[in-house]
Amino acid sequence: MEWALDFIELTKIFGVKLVDAEDFLELVLRFSFNMIITVWIVRYIYYPITKRKEYLFTYMLFSVIVFFLCQLLSNVKLGLGFALGMFAIFGIIRYRTDPIPIREMTYLFVVIGISAINGLANKKVTYMELVFTNIIIASITYGLEKVWFTKHESRQTVILEKIELIKPENQQKLIEDLRERTGLNIHRTEIGRIDFLRDTARVRVFYYADEGTESSIQEEREQRTED
C-alpha cells in the first residue's frame, strides 16, 4: 500500500505532481474549517432573521469560489494587493447589479473576508491565530444581531391616497393613519414618488418586527422599482 502511495506522489503529468498528500490534506482541512464558519454565520445568524434564501445561496457559493481562488493562487506572490483587489472587484457588484440592502452587502463582505483570510493565510500564520480570527469575526456578528440589536427594523412600501398627509406638518397624522390601516407599529416614514394626477404617493414605512418578519422579496422589488 505504501509503495502505491509513493508512486502516486512521485507521478508527474507535464511536470506537475499528480498529488501532494500533505498539501491536499491541508486544503481539505482549511476548506472544511472555512465552510463551518461560513455556515455558522450565514445559516444560523443571518438566515433566521431575514429568511432570504436567495442570499443564502449567494453567500455560500461566494465563500467556496473565493476560498479556492485564494488558496490555489496563494503560491503566487500576490499577497495583500491581491486580497484588496478581491474586495474591489466584488465591491463593484454593488453598483453593476440591482441594489443590495446594506445588511446583505455587509454579510457579503464578511463572507468574502473570511474566505480570503482562510485561503491566503501562509505558514507564518499559526492555526491558533487563524481559528481565533474566525471565531472573533463570527462572535461579533452574532453579538450584533442577536444580543445588542435585538430589534430589527423592517420596511414596506405602500400607496397613499390621502396625499395631503405628506405635508411636513401632518407627519404625526400620517403615521397614525398608517398604523391604523396597516396594523403595524410604524415609527417613521419616507415619502417617495408623488403622482399629483392620481393624488397618490409612495410612502416607505419603517417598523420594528420580530425575527423572520423582514420585508418579503416582492416588497424589495417594489422598492427597487421606486428607486
Foldseek 3Di string as FASTA:
>chain_A
DVVVVVVQQPDDDPNHRNDDVVLVVLLVVLVVVLLVLQCCQLVVQPCQFAVDVVLSVVLNVLLVVLLCVLQVCLVPPCPPVVLVVVCVVVVCCCVPDQHDDPVSVVSSVVSNVLSNCSRNDDPVQDPVNNVVVSVVSSVVSNCVRVPPCQWDKAKFKDKDQQLVCVDPVNQVVVQVVCCVVVVFNFDHKDWFDADPVRSITIIMTMGTDHGPPHDDPVRVVVVSVRD
